[in-house]
Amino acid sequence: MSSEADDADLQDALAGVERSIAQIEGCDPAEREALVAELRELRDLADKLRHERVEIAVFGEISTGKSALINALAGSEVASVNVRGGWTREVWRLGWSAPAAVVKGLEQSELVLVDTPGLNEVDGAERADMARDAAERADVVLLVTDSDLNETEFSALEQVAAMHKPVLLVLNKQDLYTPDQLDDLRQALTSPRVTKLIGGVENVVFASADPREVEYVIEKPNGSTHSEWRKPAPDVEEVRGRILEMLVDEGKGLVALNAAMYAADRSDRVAALRVRMRSNKADTVVWSYAAAKALAVSMNPWPAADVAGGVAVDVAMVLTLAGVYGIEMTTDNARKLVLAILKAAGWLMLGEAVVSFGSSFFKGVTFGGSTVLTAIPQGAAAGYGSYLVGQASRYYFEHGASWGDRGPKRIIARILENTDKASIVERLKGEIGKKLSRNRHSEK
């Protein structure tokens, strides 16, 4: 791919990330607060793209030499190395400037080595998640092992491979093995079950990031000898060379692709969280208004006024739900939506109408004196009707103020099929009963 095409891909990816950021920034305060982590990740990603930063995540179990490998690649002691397993407790991003100038198209880019917590730390589930998140964000992943893959490492390799990005399997500490043992390990690590996950045998590389000391026998000019223990230089050239080959082959296009995939995943998570939060809030709104309508209708002693008041409650509920879903709606349009839902329900809601209007008539002929007798059945029926209006309105708003190709009648029929009327009515009756028991006029 040409450099111009790579640059265009980077700009497209950046624009996509910025759209995702704007999506979160446009949320209401409660949603923004819940999406703080996602917003921070997307802003970091935007900064990564602006600086054309290539991230190489070093991933694996504890004590396999991840930090030592980073130090050896960077050529200096930049990552913390400690003999205690699980010492890396957070994600570290460390600049790696040495090879940038030799990668065509990335001369102005930043190469960053990312040190991650170990996968199998005791009580380290949160840190393991941090490591996987870092691998997901990275452009190249190094999975470091110091032996044949165990079950945890192979599972981690499968997870990383599913992220669809270049993966190197690095056998570190090769100096601990004999040549025959290394041959056996190479054969095991290049088996088909492994290479199909990482794209071929060329992506299995060996290293000695922190070699053990070796005894050297020194012969003096006079023929006498003495021994010295010396630490050999790190051997990571195979790893370094394969990383550079990957960057030469993929370059900025790899950065753009990974950023676009990462941003898309975060956008999906943001959308799912917003839907869940709005759904929970909408549930509360619908039930609150259904209960309010049940109480208002049941306690109103005047004929017909309870019906008019009930419609007003439904209109207020629809306006509140519109606000939950970020949709502007006038009172007139809310009234039209309520009436459209009631009309679409037709015979399905006839039972509520019979109870409501019958109770209103009874109130009329008794000049309101039947309120106590009719309160619970009429109120429960009215509240149930309001509940159905609320559920239908939720569907309408969740689909962008549209019924789609199904139409309101089919939607309401489906809502009725999936609604446990008995439990809702009983709950509403309970609310009315509690209100009546607290009303000192209810027995008059």
Protein backbone atom coordinates (compact mmCIF):
# COMPACT_ATOMS: atom_id res chain seq x y z
CA MET A 1 0.00 0.00 0.00
CA SER A 2 1.28 3.49 -0.84
CA SER A 3 2.25 6.00 1.79
CA GLU A 4 -0.57 8.30 0.61
CA ALA A 5 -3.12 5.52 1.09
CA ASP A 6 -1.71 4.74 4.53
CA ASP A 7 -1.96 8.39 5.52
CA ALA A 8 -5.56 8.51 4.30
CA ASP A 9 -6.39 5.38 6.31
CA LEU A 10 -4.87 6.96 9.41
CA GLN A 11 -6.95 10.11 8.95
CA ASP A 12 -10.11 8.04 8.42
CA ALA A 13 -9.37 6.05 11.58
CA LEU A 14 -8.76 9.27 13.54
CA ALA A 15 -12.04 10.73 12.28
CA GLY A 16 -13.85 7.59 13.43
CA VAL A 17 -12.30 7.80 16.88
CA GLU A 18 -13.20 11.48 17.16
CA ARG A 19 -16.81 10.65 16.25
CA SER A 20 -16.88 8.09 19.06
CA ILE A 21 -15.49 10.69 21.48
CA ALA A 22 -18.16 13.17 20.41
CA GLN A 23 -20.81 10.48 20.92
CA ILE A 24 -19.81 10.12 24.58
CA GLU A 25 -19.36 13.86 25.14
CA GLY A 26 -22.90 14.34 23.85
CA CYS A 27 -24.36 12.02 26.49
CA ASP A 28 -26.20 13.28 29.53
CA PRO A 29 -24.10 13.72 32.72
CA ALA A 30 -25.06 10.34 34.22
CA GLU A 31 -24.09 8.48 31.06
CA ARG A 32 -20.83 10.43 30.73
CA GLU A 33 -19.92 9.53 34.29
CA ALA A 34 -20.48 5.84 33.55
CA LEU A 35 -18.40 6.10 30.36
CA VAL A 36 -15.35 7.84 31.85
CA ALA A 37 -13.06 4.86 31.20
CA GLU A 38 -14.19 4.48 27.57
CA LEU A 39 -13.78 8.22 26.97
CA ARG A 40 -10.24 8.14 28.38
CA GLU A 41 -9.34 5.13 26.19
CA LEU A 42 -10.67 6.81 23.05
CA ARG A 43 -8.85 10.06 23.78
CA ASP A 44 -5.61 8.10 24.27
CA LEU A 45 -6.26 6.33 20.98
CA ALA A 46 -6.80 9.65 19.20
CA ASP A 47 -3.46 10.88 20.58
CA LYS A 48 -1.83 7.62 19.43
CA LEU A 49 -3.09 8.20 15.88
CA ARG A 50 -2.08 11.86 15.78
CA HIS A 51 1.47 10.87 16.70
CA GLU A 52 1.37 7.74 14.50
CA ARG A 53 2.40 5.77 17.54
CA VAL A 54 3.02 2.06 16.98
CA GLU A 55 2.44 0.02 20.15
CA ILE A 56 4.05 -3.37 20.68
CA ALA A 57 2.51 -5.16 23.65
CA VAL A 58 4.58 -7.73 25.55
CA PHE A 59 2.14 -10.25 26.92
CA GLY A 60 2.42 -13.51 28.85
CA GLU A 61 2.58 -15.30 32.16
CA ILE A 62 4.52 -14.01 35.14
CA SER A 63 8.27 -14.66 35.36
CA THR A 64 8.71 -15.43 31.65
CA GLY A 65 11.00 -12.41 31.24
CA LYS A 66 8.67 -9.86 29.65
CA SER A 67 10.33 -6.85 31.29
CA ALA A 68 13.78 -8.21 30.56
CA LEU A 69 12.82 -8.59 26.89
CA ILE A 70 11.69 -4.97 26.77
CA ASN A 71 14.97 -3.82 28.32
CA ALA A 72 16.96 -5.88 25.82
CA LEU A 73 14.98 -4.55 22.84
CA ALA A 74 15.24 -0.94 24.04
CA GLY A 75 18.92 -1.33 24.86
CA SER A 76 18.59 0.10 28.36
CA GLU A 77 17.09 -0.62 31.76
CA VAL A 78 13.75 1.06 31.19
CA ALA A 79 11.37 -1.64 32.51
CA SER A 80 11.30 -2.87 36.07
CA VAL A 81 12.69 -6.37 36.52
CA ASN A 82 12.26 -8.15 39.83
CA VAL A 83 12.79 -11.74 40.92
CA ARG A 84 9.32 -11.81 42.50
CA GLY A 85 6.59 -13.11 40.23
CA GLY A 86 3.82 -10.65 39.47
CA TRP A 87 5.91 -7.53 40.09
CA THR A 88 4.51 -5.69 37.06
CA ARG A 89 1.31 -4.28 38.52
CA GLU A 90 0.13 -1.98 35.74
CA VAL A 91 0.60 -1.27 32.05
CA TRP A 92 3.77 0.63 31.15
CA ARG A 93 4.37 2.29 27.78
CA LEU A 94 8.04 2.84 27.03
CA GLY A 95 9.52 4.59 24.00
CA TRP A 96 11.62 2.50 21.61
CA SER A 97 13.41 4.86 19.25
CA ALA A 98 16.18 2.66 17.87
CA PRO A 99 14.49 1.01 14.89
CA ALA A 100 12.10 3.79 13.84
CA ALA A 101 14.43 5.34 11.29
CA VAL A 102 14.88 2.08 9.37
CA VAL A 103 11.15 1.46 8.84
CA LYS A 104 10.02 3.16 5.67
CA GLY A 105 6.98 5.34 6.21
CA LEU A 106 7.41 5.38 9.96
CA GLU A 107 10.41 7.72 10.19
CA GLN A 108 8.36 10.30 12.11
CA SER A 109 6.44 7.76 14.14
CA GLU A 110 6.86 6.74 17.75
CA LEU A 111 7.52 3.08 18.50
CA VAL A 112 6.38 2.09 21.98
CA LEU A 113 6.97 -1.11 23.92
CA VAL A 114 4.12 -1.92 26.30
CA ASP A 115 4.88 -3.93 29.44
CA THR A 116 1.83 -5.67 30.88
CA PRO A 117 1.02 -7.55 34.10
CA GLY A 118 1.35 -11.31 34.09
CA LEU A 119 -1.61 -13.49 33.18
CA ASN A 120 -1.53 -15.98 36.03
CA GLU A 121 -0.94 -13.86 39.11
CA VAL A 122 -2.59 -14.88 42.34
CA ASP A 123 -5.61 -12.58 42.86
CA GLY A 124 -4.55 -10.87 39.66
CA ALA A 125 -7.74 -11.10 37.57
CA GLU A 126 -7.96 -7.33 37.25
CA ARG A 127 -4.33 -7.10 36.10
CA ALA A 128 -4.89 -9.93 33.61
CA ASP A 129 -7.77 -7.91 32.18
CA MET A 130 -5.46 -4.90 31.94
CA ALA A 131 -2.98 -7.01 29.99
CA ARG A 132 -5.66 -8.18 27.56
CA ASP A 133 -6.89 -4.61 27.07
CA ALA A 134 -3.34 -3.51 26.27
CA ALA A 135 -2.98 -6.36 23.78
CA GLU A 136 -6.29 -5.41 22.18
CA ARG A 137 -5.12 -1.83 21.71
CA ALA A 138 -1.63 -2.74 20.48
CA ASP A 139 -0.55 -2.99 16.84
CA VAL A 140 1.78 -5.95 17.37
CA VAL A 141 1.63 -8.46 20.23
CA LEU A 142 4.53 -10.48 21.62
CA LEU A 143 3.38 -13.50 23.61
CA VAL A 144 6.36 -14.49 25.73
CA THR A 145 6.87 -17.99 27.12
CA ASP A 146 9.87 -19.81 28.55
CA SER A 147 8.78 -23.38 27.75
CA ASP A 148 6.16 -25.29 25.79
CA LEU A 149 2.77 -23.60 26.00
CA ASN A 150 0.66 -24.56 28.98
CA GLU A 151 -3.14 -24.38 29.01
CA THR A 152 -3.24 -20.79 30.27
CA GLU A 153 -0.76 -19.60 27.65
CA PHE A 154 -2.49 -21.40 24.78
CA SER A 155 -5.84 -19.94 25.84
CA ALA A 156 -4.24 -16.48 25.93
CA LEU A 157 -2.78 -17.06 22.46
CA GLU A 158 -6.24 -17.96 21.15
CA GLN A 159 -7.67 -14.77 22.63
CA VAL A 160 -4.94 -12.59 21.17
CA ALA A 161 -5.20 -14.30 17.76
CA ALA A 162 -8.93 -13.53 17.74
CA MET A 163 -8.02 -9.83 17.81
CA HIS A 164 -6.75 -10.18 14.21
CA LYS A 165 -3.37 -8.52 14.51
CA PRO A 166 0.25 -9.64 14.08
CA VAL A 167 1.39 -11.94 16.89
CA LEU A 168 4.90 -13.15 17.66
CA LEU A 169 5.38 -16.15 19.90
CA VAL A 170 8.67 -15.58 21.72
CA LEU A 171 10.47 -18.40 23.50
CA ASN A 172 12.58 -16.52 26.03
CA LYS A 173 15.40 -17.99 28.16
CA GLN A 174 16.66 -20.21 25.36
CA ASP A 175 20.07 -20.23 27.10
CA LEU A 176 18.61 -22.55 29.75
CA TYR A 177 18.17 -25.37 27.24
CA THR A 178 20.48 -27.74 25.41
CA PRO A 179 20.45 -27.78 21.58
CA ASP A 180 18.40 -30.98 21.56
CA GLN A 181 15.90 -29.52 24.00
CA LEU A 182 15.62 -26.40 21.85
CA ASP A 183 14.89 -28.55 18.80
CA ASP A 184 12.10 -30.29 20.70
CA LEU A 185 10.68 -26.96 21.84
CA ARG A 186 10.82 -25.51 18.33
CA GLN A 187 8.95 -28.53 17.03
CA ALA A 188 6.26 -28.16 19.73
CA LEU A 189 5.88 -24.40 19.26
CA THR A 190 5.63 -24.66 15.48
CA SER A 191 2.93 -27.33 15.53
CA PRO A 192 -0.11 -26.66 13.30
CA ARG A 193 -2.37 -25.86 16.26
CA VAL A 194 -0.04 -22.99 17.17
CA THR A 195 1.03 -21.69 13.76
CA LYS A 196 -2.55 -21.46 12.48
CA LEU A 197 -3.15 -18.91 15.23
CA ILE A 198 -0.09 -16.75 14.54
CA GLY A 199 0.18 -16.94 10.77
CA GLY A 200 3.13 -19.30 10.23
CA VAL A 201 6.36 -20.71 11.63
CA GLU A 202 8.19 -17.45 10.90
CA ASN A 203 6.30 -15.89 13.80
CA VAL A 204 7.90 -18.22 16.34
CA VAL A 205 11.17 -16.65 17.50
CA PHE A 206 13.72 -17.44 20.22
CA ALA A 207 15.51 -15.08 22.60
CA SER A 208 17.69 -14.77 25.70
CA ALA A 209 16.71 -11.43 27.14
CA ASP A 210 18.55 -11.85 30.43
CA PRO A 211 21.08 -14.68 29.97
CA ARG A 212 22.45 -16.50 32.98
CA GLU A 213 26.12 -16.13 33.79
CA VAL A 214 28.52 -18.47 32.00
CA GLU A 215 31.85 -19.72 33.29
CA TYR A 216 34.78 -18.77 31.07
CA VAL A 217 38.25 -20.38 31.38
CA ILE A 218 40.95 -17.75 30.84
CA GLU A 219 44.43 -18.89 29.79
CA LYS A 220 47.31 -16.62 30.78
CA PRO A 221 50.48 -16.11 28.66
CA ASN A 222 52.42 -18.38 31.00
CA GLY A 223 50.01 -21.23 30.32
CA SER A 224 48.17 -21.10 33.61
CA THR A 225 44.38 -20.78 33.63
CA HIS A 226 41.67 -19.36 35.83
CA SER A 227 37.90 -19.21 35.51
CA GLU A 228 35.58 -16.21 35.47
CA TRP A 229 31.79 -15.98 35.50
CA ARG A 230 30.50 -13.51 32.96
CA LYS A 231 27.03 -12.51 31.84
CA PRO A 232 26.60 -12.73 28.04
CA ALA A 233 24.92 -9.90 26.16
CA PRO A 234 21.17 -10.31 25.58
CA ASP A 235 20.25 -12.11 22.37
CA VAL A 236 17.03 -10.61 20.98
CA GLU A 237 17.99 -10.04 17.36
CA GLU A 238 15.57 -12.63 16.03
CA VAL A 239 12.72 -10.86 17.84
CA ARG A 240 13.85 -7.40 16.75
CA GLY A 241 14.28 -8.47 13.14
CA ARG A 242 10.83 -10.05 12.87
CA ILE A 243 9.15 -7.00 14.43
CA LEU A 244 10.79 -4.74 11.87
CA GLU A 245 9.78 -7.07 9.04
CA MET A 246 6.18 -6.86 10.21
CA LEU A 247 6.30 -3.07 10.36
CA VAL A 248 7.88 -2.84 6.91
CA ASP A 249 5.14 -5.09 5.50
CA GLU A 250 2.22 -3.41 7.26
CA GLY A 251 3.37 0.08 8.29
CA LYS A 252 0.79 2.75 9.00
CA GLY A 253 -1.98 0.66 7.51
CA LEU A 254 -1.63 -1.72 10.45
CA VAL A 255 -1.93 1.15 12.92
CA ALA A 256 -5.02 2.48 11.13
CA LEU A 257 -6.70 -0.92 10.96
CA ASN A 258 -6.11 -1.72 14.63
CA ALA A 259 -7.30 1.72 15.68
CA ALA A 260 -10.46 1.39 13.61
CA MET A 261 -11.20 -2.05 15.10
CA TYR A 262 -10.49 -0.85 18.63
CA ALA A 263 -12.65 2.26 18.21
CA ALA A 264 -15.49 0.20 16.71
CA ASP A 265 -15.39 -2.17 19.68
CA ARG A 266 -15.46 0.72 22.15
CA SER A 267 -18.30 2.37 20.24
CA ASP A 268 -20.28 -0.86 20.46
CA ARG A 269 -19.60 -1.01 24.20
CA VAL A 270 -20.65 2.61 24.60
CA ALA A 271 -23.85 2.03 22.64
CA ALA A 272 -24.68 -1.11 24.63
CA LEU A 273 -24.08 0.66 27.95
CA ARG A 274 -26.20 3.64 26.92
CA VAL A 275 -29.03 1.35 25.82
CA ARG A 276 -28.84 -0.55 29.12
CA MET A 277 -28.78 2.63 31.20
CA ARG A 278 -31.64 4.17 29.26
CA SER A 279 -33.60 0.94 29.44
CA ASN A 280 -33.24 0.83 33.23
CA LYS A 281 -34.24 4.47 33.50
CA ALA A 282 -37.17 3.94 31.13
CA ASP A 283 -38.36 0.97 33.24
CA THR A 284 -38.43 3.23 36.28
CA VAL A 285 -40.27 5.97 34.39
CA VAL A 286 -42.93 3.62 32.98
CA TRP A 287 -43.64 1.97 36.31
CA SER A 288 -43.69 5.27 38.19
CA TYR A 289 -46.23 6.77 35.79
CA ALA A 290 -48.30 3.58 35.67
CA ALA A 291 -48.51 3.61 39.47
CA ALA A 292 -49.23 7.35 39.49
CA LYS A 293 -52.04 6.90 36.97
CA ALA A 294 -53.49 3.99 38.93
CA LEU A 295 -53.58 6.09 42.09
CA ALA A 296 -54.85 9.22 40.33
CA VAL A 297 -57.71 7.39 38.64
CA SER A 298 -58.65 5.33 41.69
CA MET A 299 -58.74 8.29 44.07
CA ASN A 300 -60.62 10.74 41.81
CA PRO A 301 -64.26 10.98 43.01
CA TRP A 302 -65.58 12.77 39.91
CA PRO A 303 -66.91 10.91 36.89
CA ALA A 304 -64.98 11.15 33.59
CA ALA A 305 -62.38 13.44 35.17
CA ASP A 306 -60.32 10.37 36.05
CA VAL A 307 -60.23 9.36 32.36
CA ALA A 308 -59.05 12.78 31.23
CA GLY A 309 -56.51 12.86 34.02
CA GLY A 310 -55.27 9.43 32.99
CA VAL A 311 -54.58 10.62 29.44
CA ALA A 312 -52.67 13.57 30.84
CA VAL A 313 -50.50 11.19 32.88
CA ASP A 314 -49.76 9.14 29.74
CA VAL A 315 -48.77 12.27 27.83
CA ALA A 316 -46.43 13.32 30.65
CA MET A 317 -44.93 9.83 30.67
CA VAL A 318 -44.29 9.92 26.92
CA LEU A 319 -42.60 13.31 27.21
CA THR A 320 -40.39 11.99 30.01
CA LEU A 321 -39.46 8.90 28.00
CA ALA A 322 -38.60 11.08 25.00
CA GLY A 323 -36.16 12.94 27.24
CA VAL A 324 -34.61 9.66 28.43
CA TYR A 325 -33.85 8.69 24.82
CA GLY A 326 -32.69 12.18 23.82
CA ILE A 327 -35.58 12.81 21.43
CA GLU A 328 -37.31 16.18 21.27
CA MET A 329 -41.11 16.01 21.38
CA THR A 330 -43.87 18.56 21.88
CA THR A 331 -46.86 18.01 24.15
CA ASP A 332 -49.14 17.89 21.10
CA ASN A 333 -47.04 15.20 19.45
CA ALA A 334 -46.89 13.25 22.69
CA ARG A 335 -50.70 13.32 22.88
CA LYS A 336 -50.93 12.14 19.27
CA LEU A 337 -48.52 9.26 20.04
CA VAL A 338 -50.59 8.19 23.05
CA LEU A 339 -53.80 8.24 21.02
CA ALA A 340 -52.10 6.38 18.15
CA ILE A 341 -51.00 3.64 20.56
CA LEU A 342 -54.47 3.38 22.09
CA LYS A 343 -56.05 3.25 18.64
CA ALA A 344 -53.57 0.61 17.47
CA ALA A 345 -54.30 -1.47 20.56
CA GLY A 346 -58.01 -1.40 19.72
CA TRP A 347 -59.81 -4.47 21.01
CA LEU A 348 -56.68 -5.59 22.84
CA MET A 349 -57.29 -2.89 25.45
CA LEU A 350 -61.07 -3.09 25.47
CA GLY A 351 -61.04 -4.68 28.91
CA GLU A 352 -59.40 -1.62 30.41
CA ALA A 353 -61.90 0.65 28.70
CA VAL A 354 -64.87 -1.33 30.01
CA VAL A 355 -63.59 -1.23 33.58
CA SER A 356 -62.57 2.43 33.35
CA PHE A 357 -65.72 3.83 31.79
CA GLY A 358 -67.97 1.52 33.80
CA SER A 359 -66.39 2.70 37.00
CA SER A 360 -66.67 6.31 35.87
CA PHE A 361 -70.37 5.84 35.17
CA PHE A 362 -70.84 4.25 38.61
CA LYS A 363 -69.10 7.22 40.17
CA GLY A 364 -71.37 9.57 38.27
CA VAL A 365 -74.66 8.02 39.33
CA THR A 366 -73.50 7.88 42.94
CA PHE A 367 -71.98 11.37 42.85
CA GLY A 368 -68.54 10.01 43.63
CA GLY A 369 -69.67 7.90 46.53
CA SER A 370 -68.57 4.66 44.88
CA THR A 371 -64.91 5.73 44.73
CA VAL A 372 -63.80 3.31 47.40
CA LEU A 373 -65.70 0.40 45.81
CA THR A 374 -64.34 1.05 42.32
CA ALA A 375 -60.88 2.37 43.25
CA ILE A 376 -58.82 -0.80 43.12
CA PRO A 377 -60.18 -2.44 39.93
CA GLN A 378 -60.42 0.83 38.01
CA GLY A 379 -57.04 2.07 39.16
CA ALA A 380 -55.31 -1.23 38.36
CA ALA A 381 -56.89 -1.32 34.90
CA ALA A 382 -55.86 2.27 34.21
CA GLY A 383 -52.32 1.66 35.47
CA TYR A 384 -52.01 -1.45 33.32
CA GLY A 385 -53.11 0.52 30.27
CA SER A 386 -50.52 3.18 31.07
CA TYR A 387 -47.89 0.47 31.44
CA LEU A 388 -48.67 -0.80 27.92
CA VAL A 389 -48.56 2.73 26.52
CA GLY A 390 -45.16 3.18 28.18
CA GLN A 391 -43.75 -0.06 26.79
CA ALA A 392 -44.96 0.77 23.28
CA SER A 393 -43.48 4.28 23.57
CA ARG A 394 -40.17 2.77 24.69
CA TYR A 395 -40.02 0.65 21.55
CA TYR A 396 -40.85 3.70 19.44
CA PHE A 397 -38.08 5.82 20.99
CA GLU A 398 -35.50 3.01 21.06
CA HIS A 399 -35.92 2.74 17.29
CA GLY A 400 -35.32 6.41 16.62
CA ALA A 401 -38.94 7.59 16.95
CA SER A 402 -40.12 5.01 14.44
CA TRP A 403 -42.21 1.84 14.38
CA GLY A 404 -40.03 0.47 11.57
CA ASP A 405 -41.66 -1.96 9.15
CA ARG A 406 -43.71 -3.71 11.85
CA GLY A 407 -46.25 -1.03 12.66
CA PRO A 408 -47.71 -0.20 16.08
CA LYS A 409 -50.36 -2.96 16.06
CA ARG A 410 -47.78 -5.74 15.72
CA ILE A 411 -45.53 -4.13 18.32
CA ILE A 412 -48.35 -3.81 20.85
CA ALA A 413 -49.48 -7.39 20.18
CA ARG A 414 -45.94 -8.60 20.86
CA ILE A 415 -45.74 -6.52 24.06
CA LEU A 416 -49.01 -8.04 25.26
CA GLU A 417 -47.75 -11.55 24.49
CA ASN A 418 -44.62 -10.94 26.55
CA THR A 419 -46.31 -9.17 29.45
CA ASP A 420 -47.45 -10.93 32.60
CA LYS A 421 -50.65 -8.97 33.11
CA ALA A 422 -51.59 -10.71 36.35
CA SER A 423 -48.37 -9.81 38.15
CA ILE A 424 -48.47 -6.19 36.99
CA VAL A 425 -52.12 -5.76 37.99
CA GLU A 426 -51.48 -7.33 41.39
CA ARG A 427 -48.53 -5.02 41.94
CA LEU A 428 -50.66 -2.01 41.01
CA LYS A 429 -53.45 -3.17 43.31
CA GLY A 430 -50.88 -3.39 46.09
CA GLU A 431 -49.80 0.20 45.46
CA ILE A 432 -53.42 1.38 45.54
CA GLY A 433 -54.16 -0.63 48.66
CA LYS A 434 -51.22 0.90 50.51
CA LYS A 435 -52.36 4.38 49.49
CA LEU A 436 -55.93 3.74 50.61
CA SER A 437 -54.79 2.36 53.96
CA ARG A 438 -52.93 5.61 54.62
CA ASN A 439 -55.87 7.79 53.53
CA ARG A 440 -57.98 8.75 56.58
CA HIS A 441 -60.93 9.60 54.26
CA SER A 442 -60.98 6.21 52.52
CA GLU A 443 -63.55 4.67 54.89
CA LYS A 444 -65.98 7.55 54.79
